[in-house]
Amino acid sequence: MDALKGRLPPARHAKLSGLLDGCFVAPLAKLWMCAPQRMVSWDERGGSYPVPKKPSASSVVFAGSFNPPHFGHLEIIRYLSQSFSQVHVVIGMNPKKTYPVSPQARQEIVE
């Protein structure tokens, strides 16, 4: 928001900052700071994450750079797909970084 400070009228900048803080930053910070609800560990004997007893009806977001995607990422996605009704995989990209694998190629690998 500091980048927009001089480009927007002060009242509009304050309103936009308040909206972003109330709708995005504060809830995300609260989520980030809370303790995990449940931790799942890799089952060495089974060679996978445990299969959940009852899938949740909610959805989950799994975000990362996935650069490059590997079997660990895919195993986590597989586990999440068994645990939740919807899994949204978000492939992040920082335009200031150079990635050896393009975002499109990472998407194709994950799909």
PDB file of N, CA and C in Angstrom:
ATOM      1  N   MET A   1       0.817  -1.192   0.000  1.00  0.00           N
ATOM      2  CA  MET A   1       0.000   0.000   0.000  1.00  0.00           C
ATOM      3  C   MET A   1       0.858   1.251   0.000  1.00  0.00           C
ATOM      4  N   ASP A   2       2.070   1.141   0.532  1.00  0.00           N
ATOM      5  CA  ASP A   2       2.942   2.317   0.538  1.00  0.00           C
ATOM      6  C   ASP A   2       3.247   2.788  -0.875  1.00  0.00           C
ATOM      7  N   ALA A   3       3.283   1.859  -1.829  1.00  0.00           N
ATOM      8  CA  ALA A   3       3.565   2.229  -3.208  1.00  0.00           C
ATOM      9  C   ALA A   3       2.450   3.098  -3.795  1.00  0.00           C
ATOM     10  N   LEU A   4       1.240   2.947  -3.280  1.00  0.00           N
ATOM     11  CA  LEU A   4       0.107   3.727  -3.779  1.00  0.00           C
ATOM     12  C   LEU A   4      -0.112   5.018  -3.007  1.00  0.00           C
ATOM     13  N   LYS A   5       0.636   5.207  -1.924  1.00  0.00           N
ATOM     14  CA  LYS A   5       0.391   6.343  -1.040  1.00  0.00           C
ATOM     15  C   LYS A   5       0.433   7.685  -1.771  1.00  0.00           C
ATOM     16  N   GLY A   6       1.408   7.919  -2.594  1.00  0.00           N
ATOM     17  CA  GLY A   6       1.508   9.188  -3.298  1.00  0.00           C
ATOM     18  C   GLY A   6       0.662   9.261  -4.549  1.00  0.00           C
ATOM     19  N   ARG A   7       0.156   8.128  -4.999  1.00  0.00           N
ATOM     20  CA  ARG A   7      -0.593   8.089  -6.249  1.00  0.00           C
ATOM     21  C   ARG A   7      -2.099   8.217  -6.055  1.00  0.00           C
ATOM     22  N   LEU A   8      -2.566   7.966  -4.854  1.00  0.00           N
ATOM     23  CA  LEU A   8      -3.998   8.074  -4.565  1.00  0.00           C
ATOM     24  C   LEU A   8      -4.250   9.256  -3.639  1.00  0.00           C
ATOM     25  N   PRO A   9      -5.432   9.851  -3.733  1.00  0.00           N
ATOM     26  CA  PRO A   9      -5.771  10.889  -2.752  1.00  0.00           C
ATOM     27  C   PRO A   9      -5.740  10.281  -1.345  1.00  0.00           C
ATOM     28  N   PRO A  10      -5.325  11.045  -0.334  1.00  0.00           N
ATOM     29  CA  PRO A  10      -5.186  10.500   1.020  1.00  0.00           C
ATOM     30  C   PRO A  10      -6.437   9.799   1.550  1.00  0.00           C
ATOM     31  N   ALA A  11      -7.609  10.368   1.303  1.00  0.00           N
ATOM     32  CA  ALA A  11      -8.837   9.743   1.802  1.00  0.00           C
ATOM     33  C   ALA A  11      -9.077   8.384   1.140  1.00  0.00           C
ATOM     34  N   ARG A  12      -8.841   8.324  -0.151  1.00  0.00           N
ATOM     35  CA  ARG A  12      -9.036   7.060  -0.877  1.00  0.00           C
ATOM     36  C   ARG A  12      -8.005   6.023  -0.442  1.00  0.00           C
ATOM     37  N   HIS A  13      -6.753   6.464  -0.242  1.00  0.00           N
ATOM     38  CA  HIS A  13      -5.700   5.561   0.224  1.00  0.00           C
ATOM     39  C   HIS A  13      -6.055   4.996   1.601  1.00  0.00           C
ATOM     40  N   ALA A  14      -6.545   5.840   2.502  1.00  0.00           N
ATOM     41  CA  ALA A  14      -6.918   5.390   3.847  1.00  0.00           C
ATOM     42  C   ALA A  14      -8.073   4.388   3.781  1.00  0.00           C
ATOM     43  N   LYS A  15      -9.059   4.663   2.936  1.00  0.00           N
ATOM     44  CA  LYS A  15     -10.203   3.757   2.801  1.00  0.00           C
ATOM     45  C   LYS A  15      -9.769   2.414   2.234  1.00  0.00           C
ATOM     46  N   LEU A  16      -8.948   2.436   1.195  1.00  0.00           N
ATOM     47  CA  LEU A  16      -8.463   1.209   0.576  1.00  0.00           C
ATOM     48  C   LEU A  16      -7.597   0.414   1.548  1.00  0.00           C
ATOM     49  N   SER A  17      -6.750   1.107   2.301  1.00  0.00           N
ATOM     50  CA  SER A  17      -5.914   0.437   3.304  1.00  0.00           C
ATOM     51  C   SER A  17      -6.773  -0.237   4.360  1.00  0.00           C
ATOM     52  N   GLY A  18      -7.815   0.461   4.808  1.00  0.00           N
ATOM     53  CA  GLY A  18      -8.719  -0.109   5.806  1.00  0.00           C
ATOM     54  C   GLY A  18      -9.455  -1.326   5.286  1.00  0.00           C
ATOM     55  N   LEU A  19      -9.911  -1.260   4.033  1.00  0.00           N
ATOM     56  CA  LEU A  19     -10.602  -2.398   3.433  1.00  0.00           C
ATOM     57  C   LEU A  19      -9.681  -3.601   3.311  1.00  0.00           C
ATOM     58  N   LEU A  20      -8.474  -3.375   2.813  1.00  0.00           N
ATOM     59  CA  LEU A  20      -7.527  -4.479   2.664  1.00  0.00           C
ATOM     60  C   LEU A  20      -7.165  -5.075   4.014  1.00  0.00           C
ATOM     61  N   ASP A  21      -6.963  -4.222   4.998  1.00  0.00           N
ATOM     62  CA  ASP A  21      -6.609  -4.728   6.319  1.00  0.00           C
ATOM     63  C   ASP A  21      -7.759  -5.528   6.916  1.00  0.00           C
ATOM     64  N   GLY A  22      -8.964  -5.008   6.817  1.00  0.00           N
ATOM     65  CA  GLY A  22     -10.109  -5.685   7.407  1.00  0.00           C
ATOM     66  C   GLY A  22     -10.542  -6.938   6.674  1.00  0.00           C
ATOM     67  N   CYS A  23     -10.400  -6.942   5.353  1.00  0.00           N
ATOM     68  CA  CYS A  23     -10.890  -8.067   4.555  1.00  0.00           C
ATOM     69  C   CYS A  23      -9.818  -9.103   4.229  1.00  0.00           C
ATOM     70  N   PHE A  24      -8.565  -8.701   4.276  1.00  0.00           N
ATOM     71  CA  PHE A  24      -7.526  -9.631   3.843  1.00  0.00           C
ATOM     72  C   PHE A  24      -6.409  -9.790   4.863  1.00  0.00           C
ATOM     73  N   VAL A  25      -5.760  -8.717   5.231  1.00  0.00           N
ATOM     74  CA  VAL A  25      -4.558  -8.806   6.063  1.00  0.00           C
ATOM     75  C   VAL A  25      -4.874  -9.338   7.455  1.00  0.00           C
ATOM     76  N   ALA A  26      -5.844  -8.753   8.147  1.00  0.00           N
ATOM     77  CA  ALA A  26      -6.146  -9.175   9.521  1.00  0.00           C
ATOM     78  C   ALA A  26      -6.630 -10.628   9.586  1.00  0.00           C
ATOM     79  N   PRO A  27      -7.582 -11.057   8.730  1.00  0.00           N
ATOM     80  CA  PRO A  27      -7.996 -12.468   8.798  1.00  0.00           C
ATOM     81  C   PRO A  27      -6.863 -13.434   8.454  1.00  0.00           C
ATOM     82  N   LEU A  28      -6.034 -13.058   7.478  1.00  0.00           N
ATOM     83  CA  LEU A  28      -4.923 -13.923   7.116  1.00  0.00           C
ATOM     84  C   LEU A  28      -3.902 -13.998   8.244  1.00  0.00           C
ATOM     85  N   ALA A  29      -3.629 -12.882   8.896  1.00  0.00           N
ATOM     86  CA  ALA A  29      -2.699 -12.871  10.029  1.00  0.00           C
ATOM     87  C   ALA A  29      -3.251 -13.715  11.174  1.00  0.00           C
ATOM     88  N   LYS A  30      -4.550 -13.636  11.410  1.00  0.00           N
ATOM     89  CA  LYS A  30      -5.166 -14.443  12.472  1.00  0.00           C
ATOM     90  C   LYS A  30      -5.034 -15.928  12.145  1.00  0.00           C
ATOM     91  N   LEU A  31      -5.284 -16.290  10.908  1.00  0.00           N
ATOM     92  CA  LEU A  31      -5.155 -17.673  10.482  1.00  0.00           C
ATOM     93  C   LEU A  31      -3.708 -18.137  10.591  1.00  0.00           C
ATOM     94  N   TRP A  32      -2.787 -17.285  10.186  1.00  0.00           N
ATOM     95  CA  TRP A  32      -1.370 -17.622  10.197  1.00  0.00           C
ATOM     96  C   TRP A  32      -0.869 -17.862  11.618  1.00  0.00           C
ATOM     97  N   MET A  33      -1.401 -17.114  12.582  1.00  0.00           N
ATOM     98  CA  MET A  33      -0.919 -17.188  13.956  1.00  0.00           C
ATOM     99  C   MET A  33      -1.597 -18.286  14.782  1.00  0.00           C
ATOM    100  N   CYS A  34      -2.696 -18.853  14.307  1.00  0.00           N
ATOM    101  CA  CYS A  34      -3.386 -19.861  15.106  1.00  0.00           C
ATOM    102  C   CYS A  34      -2.670 -21.206  15.009  1.00  0.00           C
ATOM    103  N   ALA A  35      -2.836 -22.002  16.047  1.00  0.00           N
ATOM    104  CA  ALA A  35      -2.222 -23.329  16.076  1.00  0.00           C
ATOM    105  C   ALA A  35      -2.922 -24.236  15.064  1.00  0.00           C
ATOM    106  N   PRO A  36      -2.187 -25.157  14.453  1.00  0.00           N
ATOM    107  CA  PRO A  36      -2.831 -26.061  13.502  1.00  0.00           C
ATOM    108  C   PRO A  36      -3.899 -26.906  14.191  1.00  0.00           C
ATOM    109  N   GLN A  37      -4.965 -27.174  13.483  1.00  0.00           N
ATOM    110  CA  GLN A  37      -6.055 -27.952  14.054  1.00  0.00           C
ATOM    111  C   GLN A  37      -5.661 -29.415  14.201  1.00  0.00           C
ATOM    112  N   ARG A  38      -4.899 -29.896  13.242  1.00  0.00           N
ATOM    113  CA  ARG A  38      -4.514 -31.298  13.293  1.00  0.00           C
ATOM    114  C   ARG A  38      -3.255 -31.473  12.460  1.00  0.00           C
ATOM    115  N   MET A  39      -2.314 -32.228  12.989  1.00  0.00           N
ATOM    116  CA  MET A  39      -1.076 -32.496  12.266  1.00  0.00           C
ATOM    117  C   MET A  39      -1.118 -33.930  11.757  1.00  0.00           C
ATOM    118  N   VAL A  40      -0.678 -34.126  10.550  1.00  0.00           N
ATOM    119  CA  VAL A  40      -0.640 -35.460   9.957  1.00  0.00           C
ATOM    120  C   VAL A  40       0.814 -35.776   9.640  1.00  0.00           C
ATOM    121  N   SER A  41       1.224 -36.975   9.984  1.00  0.00           N
ATOM    122  CA  SER A  41       2.598 -37.399   9.739  1.00  0.00           C
ATOM    123  C   SER A  41       2.638 -38.491   8.689  1.00  0.00           C
ATOM    124  N   TRP A  42       3.726 -38.529   7.985  1.00  0.00           N
ATOM    125  CA  TRP A  42       3.975 -39.550   6.975  1.00  0.00           C
ATOM    126  C   TRP A  42       4.063 -40.902   7.652  1.00  0.00           C
ATOM    127  N   ASP A  43       3.384 -41.898   7.113  1.00  0.00           N
ATOM    128  CA  ASP A  43       3.421 -43.259   7.641  1.00  0.00           C
ATOM    129  C   ASP A  43       4.524 -44.022   6.913  1.00  0.00           C
ATOM    130  N   GLU A  44       5.642 -44.256   7.605  1.00  0.00           N
ATOM    131  CA  GLU A  44       6.786 -44.935   6.979  1.00  0.00           C
ATOM    132  C   GLU A  44       6.422 -46.341   6.518  1.00  0.00           C
ATOM    133  N   ARG A  45       5.654 -47.075   7.330  1.00  0.00           N
ATOM    134  CA  ARG A  45       5.302 -48.450   6.959  1.00  0.00           C
ATOM    135  C   ARG A  45       4.394 -48.485   5.741  1.00  0.00           C
ATOM    136  N   GLY A  46       3.438 -47.583   5.695  1.00  0.00           N
ATOM    137  CA  GLY A  46       2.500 -47.558   4.573  1.00  0.00           C
ATOM    138  C   GLY A  46       3.038 -46.831   3.357  1.00  0.00           C
ATOM    139  N   GLY A  47       4.074 -46.007   3.554  1.00  0.00           N
ATOM    140  CA  GLY A  47       4.662 -45.261   2.445  1.00  0.00           C
ATOM    141  C   GLY A  47       3.769 -44.147   1.920  1.00  0.00           C
ATOM    142  N   SER A  48       2.898 -43.621   2.793  1.00  0.00           N
ATOM    143  CA  SER A  48       2.011 -42.533   2.375  1.00  0.00           C
ATOM    144  C   SER A  48       1.472 -41.844   3.616  1.00  0.00           C
ATOM    145  N   TYR A  49       0.696 -40.794   3.401  1.00  0.00           N
ATOM    146  CA  TYR A  49      -0.023 -40.177   4.499  1.00  0.00           C
ATOM    147  C   TYR A  49      -1.213 -41.065   4.822  1.00  0.00           C
ATOM    148  N   PRO A  50      -1.665 -41.083   6.072  1.00  0.00           N
ATOM    149  CA  PRO A  50      -2.809 -41.940   6.412  1.00  0.00           C
ATOM    150  C   PRO A  50      -4.078 -41.481   5.699  1.00  0.00           C
ATOM    151  N   VAL A  51      -4.900 -42.449   5.340  1.00  0.00           N
ATOM    152  CA  VAL A  51      -6.178 -42.136   4.690  1.00  0.00           C
ATOM    153  C   VAL A  51      -7.141 -41.644   5.771  1.00  0.00           C
ATOM    154  N   PRO A  52      -7.769 -40.485   5.557  1.00  0.00           N
ATOM    155  CA  PRO A  52      -8.683 -39.965   6.580  1.00  0.00           C
ATOM    156  C   PRO A  52      -9.902 -40.870   6.752  1.00  0.00           C
ATOM    157  N   LYS A  53     -10.411 -40.908   7.986  1.00  0.00           N
ATOM    158  CA  LYS A  53     -11.585 -41.739   8.277  1.00  0.00           C
ATOM    159  C   LYS A  53     -12.825 -41.176   7.598  1.00  0.00           C
ATOM    160  N   LYS A  54     -12.966 -39.853   7.638  1.00  0.00           N
ATOM    161  CA  LYS A  54     -14.147 -39.203   7.062  1.00  0.00           C
ATOM    162  C   LYS A  54     -13.705 -37.907   6.387  1.00  0.00           C
ATOM    163  N   PRO A  55     -13.862 -37.793   5.073  1.00  0.00           N
ATOM    164  CA  PRO A  55     -13.474 -36.555   4.395  1.00  0.00           C
ATOM    165  C   PRO A  55     -14.308 -35.364   4.851  1.00  0.00           C
ATOM    166  N   SER A  56     -13.677 -34.218   4.916  1.00  0.00           N
ATOM    167  CA  SER A  56     -14.357 -32.982   5.297  1.00  0.00           C
ATOM    168  C   SER A  56     -15.144 -32.448   4.104  1.00  0.00           C
ATOM    169  N   ALA A  57     -16.253 -31.794   4.388  1.00  0.00           N
ATOM    170  CA  ALA A  57     -17.064 -31.196   3.320  1.00  0.00           C
ATOM    171  C   ALA A  57     -16.514 -29.831   2.908  1.00  0.00           C
ATOM    172  N   SER A  58     -15.485 -29.364   3.593  1.00  0.00           N
ATOM    173  CA  SER A  58     -14.942 -28.039   3.287  1.00  0.00           C
ATOM    174  C   SER A  58     -13.851 -28.123   2.214  1.00  0.00           C
ATOM    175  N   SER A  59     -13.357 -26.959   1.828  1.00  0.00           N
ATOM    176  CA  SER A  59     -12.306 -26.906   0.816  1.00  0.00           C
ATOM    177  C   SER A  59     -11.013 -26.431   1.461  1.00  0.00           C
ATOM    178  N   VAL A  60      -9.901 -26.629   0.745  1.00  0.00           N
ATOM    179  CA  VAL A  60      -8.584 -26.264   1.249  1.00  0.00           C
ATOM    180  C   VAL A  60      -7.775 -25.657   0.103  1.00  0.00           C
ATOM    181  N   VAL A  61      -6.852 -24.754   0.454  1.00  0.00           N
ATOM    182  CA  VAL A  61      -5.959 -24.138  -0.517  1.00  0.00           C
ATOM    183  C   VAL A  61      -4.546 -24.595  -0.210  1.00  0.00           C
ATOM    184  N   PHE A  62      -3.843 -25.090  -1.220  1.00  0.00           N
ATOM    185  CA  PHE A  62      -2.440 -25.497  -1.099  1.00  0.00           C
ATOM    186  C   PHE A  62      -1.661 -24.611  -2.051  1.00  0.00           C
ATOM    187  N   ALA A  63      -0.915 -23.667  -1.490  1.00  0.00           N
ATOM    188  CA  ALA A  63      -0.190 -22.696  -2.312  1.00  0.00           C
ATOM    189  C   ALA A  63       1.307 -22.896  -2.177  1.00  0.00           C
ATOM    190  N   GLY A  64       2.012 -22.680  -3.266  1.00  0.00           N
ATOM    191  CA  GLY A  64       3.466 -22.769  -3.257  1.00  0.00           C
ATOM    192  C   GLY A  64       4.019 -22.401  -4.613  1.00  0.00           C
ATOM    193  N   SER A  65       5.347 -22.323  -4.683  1.00  0.00           N
ATOM    194  CA  SER A  65       5.964 -22.032  -5.978  1.00  0.00           C
ATOM    195  C   SER A  65       6.066 -23.301  -6.825  1.00  0.00           C
ATOM    196  N   PHE A  66       6.131 -24.462  -6.176  1.00  0.00           N
ATOM    197  CA  PHE A  66       6.201 -25.750  -6.875  1.00  0.00           C
ATOM    198  C   PHE A  66       7.267 -25.703  -7.971  1.00  0.00           C
ATOM    199  N   ASN A  67       8.447 -25.265  -7.587  1.00  0.00           N
ATOM    200  CA  ASN A  67       9.491 -25.041  -8.571  1.00  0.00           C
ATOM    201  C   ASN A  67      10.730 -25.867  -8.277  1.00  0.00           C
ATOM    202  N   PRO A  68      10.844 -27.001  -8.870  1.00  0.00           N
ATOM    203  CA  PRO A  68       9.860 -27.696  -9.701  1.00  0.00           C
ATOM    204  C   PRO A  68       8.943 -28.548  -8.838  1.00  0.00           C
ATOM    205  N   PRO A  69       7.780 -28.933  -9.390  1.00  0.00           N
ATOM    206  CA  PRO A  69       6.917 -29.843  -8.645  1.00  0.00           C
ATOM    207  C   PRO A  69       7.619 -31.193  -8.496  1.00  0.00           C
ATOM    208  N   HIS A  70       7.407 -31.837  -7.366  1.00  0.00           N
ATOM    209  CA  HIS A  70       8.008 -33.156  -7.167  1.00  0.00           C
ATOM    210  C   HIS A  70       6.988 -34.083  -6.513  1.00  0.00           C
ATOM    211  N   PHE A  71       7.378 -35.335  -6.320  1.00  0.00           N
ATOM    212  CA  PHE A  71       6.441 -36.326  -5.802  1.00  0.00           C
ATOM    213  C   PHE A  71       5.934 -35.979  -4.403  1.00  0.00           C
ATOM    214  N   GLY A  72       6.713 -35.257  -3.617  1.00  0.00           N
ATOM    215  CA  GLY A  72       6.247 -34.821  -2.296  1.00  0.00           C
ATOM    216  C   GLY A  72       5.047 -33.896  -2.409  1.00  0.00           C
ATOM    217  N   HIS A  73       5.120 -32.951  -3.351  1.00  0.00           N
ATOM    218  CA  HIS A  73       3.977 -32.059  -3.585  1.00  0.00           C
ATOM    219  C   HIS A  73       2.756 -32.879  -4.019  1.00  0.00           C
ATOM    220  N   LEU A  74       2.963 -33.792  -4.937  1.00  0.00           N
ATOM    221  CA  LEU A  74       1.855 -34.577  -5.471  1.00  0.00           C
ATOM    222  C   LEU A  74       1.247 -35.471  -4.398  1.00  0.00           C
ATOM    223  N   GLU A  75       2.079 -35.991  -3.500  1.00  0.00           N
ATOM    224  CA  GLU A  75       1.569 -36.825  -2.410  1.00  0.00           C
ATOM    225  C   GLU A  75       0.713 -36.001  -1.455  1.00  0.00           C
ATOM    226  N   ILE A  76       1.131 -34.769  -1.184  1.00  0.00           N
ATOM    227  CA  ILE A  76       0.340 -33.885  -0.322  1.00  0.00           C
ATOM    228  C   ILE A  76      -0.992 -33.554  -0.999  1.00  0.00           C
ATOM    229  N   ILE A  77      -0.965 -33.278  -2.292  1.00  0.00           N
ATOM    230  CA  ILE A  77      -2.206 -32.989  -3.025  1.00  0.00           C
ATOM    231  C   ILE A  77      -3.129 -34.211  -2.999  1.00  0.00           C
ATOM    232  N   ARG A  78      -2.553 -35.397  -3.167  1.00  0.00           N
ATOM    233  CA  ARG A  78      -3.355 -36.624  -3.115  1.00  0.00           C
ATOM    234  C   ARG A  78      -4.013 -36.780  -1.744  1.00  0.00           C
ATOM    235  N   TYR A  79      -3.233 -36.565  -0.683  1.00  0.00           N
ATOM    236  CA  TYR A  79      -3.787 -36.655   0.671  1.00  0.00           C
ATOM    237  C   TYR A  79      -4.907 -35.632   0.879  1.00  0.00           C
ATOM    238  N   LEU A  80      -4.662 -34.392   0.457  1.00  0.00           N
ATOM    239  CA  LEU A  80      -5.677 -33.352   0.622  1.00  0.00           C
ATOM    240  C   LEU A  80      -6.951 -33.687  -0.148  1.00  0.00           C
ATOM    241  N   SER A  81      -6.800 -34.273  -1.334  1.00  0.00           N
ATOM    242  CA  SER A  81      -7.980 -34.622  -2.132  1.00  0.00           C
ATOM    243  C   SER A  81      -8.798 -35.725  -1.471  1.00  0.00           C
ATOM    244  N   GLN A  82      -8.161 -36.544  -0.626  1.00  0.00           N
ATOM    245  CA  GLN A  82      -8.889 -37.568   0.117  1.00  0.00           C
ATOM    246  C   GLN A  82      -9.498 -36.995   1.399  1.00  0.00           C
ATOM    247  N   SER A  83      -8.965 -35.851   1.847  1.00  0.00           N
ATOM    248  CA  SER A  83      -9.386 -35.275   3.118  1.00  0.00           C
ATOM    249  C   SER A  83     -10.430 -34.179   2.979  1.00  0.00           C
ATOM    250  N   PHE A  84     -10.514 -33.540   1.807  1.00  0.00           N
ATOM    251  CA  PHE A  84     -11.414 -32.402   1.611  1.00  0.00           C
ATOM    252  C   PHE A  84     -12.215 -32.583   0.333  1.00  0.00           C
ATOM    253  N   SER A  85     -13.374 -31.940   0.297  1.00  0.00           N
ATOM    254  CA  SER A  85     -14.222 -32.059  -0.893  1.00  0.00           C
ATOM    255  C   SER A  85     -13.649 -31.300  -2.077  1.00  0.00           C
ATOM    256  N   GLN A  86     -12.919 -30.204  -1.812  1.00  0.00           N
ATOM    257  CA  GLN A  86     -12.295 -29.418  -2.881  1.00  0.00           C
ATOM    258  C   GLN A  86     -10.868 -29.057  -2.475  1.00  0.00           C
ATOM    259  N   VAL A  87      -9.951 -29.175  -3.429  1.00  0.00           N
ATOM    260  CA  VAL A  87      -8.552 -28.772  -3.210  1.00  0.00           C
ATOM    261  C   VAL A  87      -8.203 -27.757  -4.289  1.00  0.00           C
ATOM    262  N   HIS A  88      -7.790 -26.575  -3.870  1.00  0.00           N
ATOM    263  CA  HIS A  88      -7.373 -25.531  -4.799  1.00  0.00           C
ATOM    264  C   HIS A  88      -5.857 -25.421  -4.704  1.00  0.00           C
ATOM    265  N   VAL A  89      -5.169 -25.755  -5.781  1.00  0.00           N
ATOM    266  CA  VAL A  89      -3.715 -25.661  -5.823  1.00  0.00           C
ATOM    267  C   VAL A  89      -3.359 -24.350  -6.500  1.00  0.00           C
ATOM    268  N   VAL A  90      -2.628 -23.508  -5.786  1.00  0.00           N
ATOM    269  CA  VAL A  90      -2.249 -22.187  -6.293  1.00  0.00           C
ATOM    270  C   VAL A  90      -0.753 -22.197  -6.549  1.00  0.00           C
ATOM    271  N   ILE A  91      -0.376 -21.962  -7.799  1.00  0.00           N
ATOM    272  CA  ILE A  91       1.036 -21.923  -8.175  1.00  0.00           C
ATOM    273  C   ILE A  91       1.466 -20.464  -8.205  1.00  0.00           C
ATOM    274  N   GLY A  92       2.325 -20.103  -7.257  1.00  0.00           N
ATOM    275  CA  GLY A  92       2.782 -18.727  -7.143  1.00  0.00           C
ATOM    276  C   GLY A  92       3.945 -18.425  -8.068  1.00  0.00           C
ATOM    277  N   MET A  93       4.072 -17.153  -8.407  1.00  0.00           N
ATOM    278  CA  MET A  93       5.169 -16.712  -9.260  1.00  0.00           C
ATOM    279  C   MET A  93       5.588 -15.317  -8.852  1.00  0.00           C
ATOM    280  N   ASN A  94       6.854 -15.155  -8.568  1.00  0.00           N
ATOM    281  CA  ASN A  94       7.408 -13.847  -8.254  1.00  0.00           C
ATOM    282  C   ASN A  94       8.045 -13.315  -9.531  1.00  0.00           C
ATOM    283  N   PRO A  95       7.535 -12.223 -10.103  1.00  0.00           N
ATOM    284  CA  PRO A  95       8.076 -11.719 -11.369  1.00  0.00           C
ATOM    285  C   PRO A  95       9.526 -11.251 -11.261  1.00  0.00           C
ATOM    286  N   LYS A  96      10.022 -11.067 -10.038  1.00  0.00           N
ATOM    287  CA  LYS A  96      11.409 -10.625  -9.861  1.00  0.00           C
ATOM    288  C   LYS A  96      12.383 -11.795  -9.794  1.00  0.00           C
ATOM    289  N   LYS A  97      11.859 -13.037  -9.814  1.00  0.00           N
ATOM    290  CA  LYS A  97      12.719 -14.225  -9.757  1.00  0.00           C
ATOM    291  C   LYS A  97      12.729 -14.939 -11.093  1.00  0.00           C
ATOM    292  N   THR A  98      13.794 -15.664 -11.319  1.00  0.00           N
ATOM    293  CA  THR A  98      13.912 -16.498 -12.509  1.00  0.00           C
ATOM    294  C   THR A  98      13.690 -17.944 -12.087  1.00  0.00           C
ATOM    295  N   TYR A  99      12.750 -18.604 -12.732  1.00  0.00           N
ATOM    296  CA  TYR A  99      12.422 -19.982 -12.403  1.00  0.00           C
ATOM    297  C   TYR A  99      12.901 -20.898 -13.527  1.00  0.00           C
ATOM    298  N   PRO A 100      13.490 -22.061 -13.190  1.00  0.00           N
ATOM    299  CA  PRO A 100      13.911 -22.994 -14.240  1.00  0.00           C
ATOM    300  C   PRO A 100      12.728 -23.659 -14.942  1.00  0.00           C
ATOM    301  N   VAL A 101      11.566 -23.686 -14.278  1.00  0.00           N
ATOM    302  CA  VAL A 101      10.374 -24.295 -14.870  1.00  0.00           C
ATOM    303  C   VAL A 101       9.300 -23.211 -14.949  1.00  0.00           C
ATOM    304  N   SER A 102       8.698 -23.022 -16.123  1.00  0.00           N
ATOM    305  CA  SER A 102       7.688 -21.975 -16.304  1.00  0.00           C
ATOM    306  C   SER A 102       6.427 -22.300 -15.497  1.00  0.00           C
ATOM    307  N   PRO A 103       5.643 -21.266 -15.148  1.00  0.00           N
ATOM    308  CA  PRO A 103       4.387 -21.530 -14.431  1.00  0.00           C
ATOM    309  C   PRO A 103       3.458 -22.468 -15.213  1.00  0.00           C
ATOM    310  N   GLN A 104       3.421 -22.335 -16.520  1.00  0.00           N
ATOM    311  CA  GLN A 104       2.570 -23.202 -17.338  1.00  0.00           C
ATOM    312  C   GLN A 104       3.035 -24.655 -17.259  1.00  0.00           C
ATOM    313  N   ALA A 105       4.354 -24.865 -17.300  1.00  0.00           N
ATOM    314  CA  ALA A 105       4.887 -26.229 -17.202  1.00  0.00           C
ATOM    315  C   ALA A 105       4.627 -26.803 -15.814  1.00  0.00           C
ATOM    316  N   ARG A 106       4.758 -25.980 -14.774  1.00  0.00           N
ATOM    317  CA  ARG A 106       4.475 -26.435 -13.403  1.00  0.00           C
ATOM    318  C   ARG A 106       3.010 -26.831 -13.289  1.00  0.00           C
ATOM    319  N   GLN A 107       2.115 -26.059 -13.901  1.00  0.00           N
ATOM    320  CA  GLN A 107       0.690 -26.385 -13.870  1.00  0.00           C
ATOM    321  C   GLN A 107       0.437 -27.718 -14.561  1.00  0.00           C
ATOM    322  N   GLU A 108       1.057 -27.929 -15.724  1.00  0.00           N
ATOM    323  CA  GLU A 108       0.863 -29.197 -16.444  1.00  0.00           C
ATOM    324  C   GLU A 108       1.357 -30.384 -15.633  1.00  0.00           C
ATOM    325  N   ILE A 109       2.483 -30.224 -14.938  1.00  0.00           N
ATOM    326  CA  ILE A 109       3.026 -31.318 -14.125  1.00  0.00           C
ATOM    327  C   ILE A 109       2.086 -31.638 -12.975  1.00  0.00           C
ATOM    328  N   VAL A 110       1.577 -30.594 -12.310  1.00  0.00           N
ATOM    329  CA  VAL A 110       0.697 -30.815 -11.155  1.00  0.00           C
ATOM    330  C   VAL A 110      -0.643 -31.409 -11.584  1.00  0.00           C
ATOM    331  N   GLU A 111      -1.156 -30.980 -12.733  1.00  0.00           N
ATOM    332  CA  GLU A 111      -2.452 -31.514 -13.196  1.00  0.00           C
ATOM    333  C   GLU A 111      -2.320 -32.956 -13.563  1.00  0.00           C
TER     334      GLU A 111
END
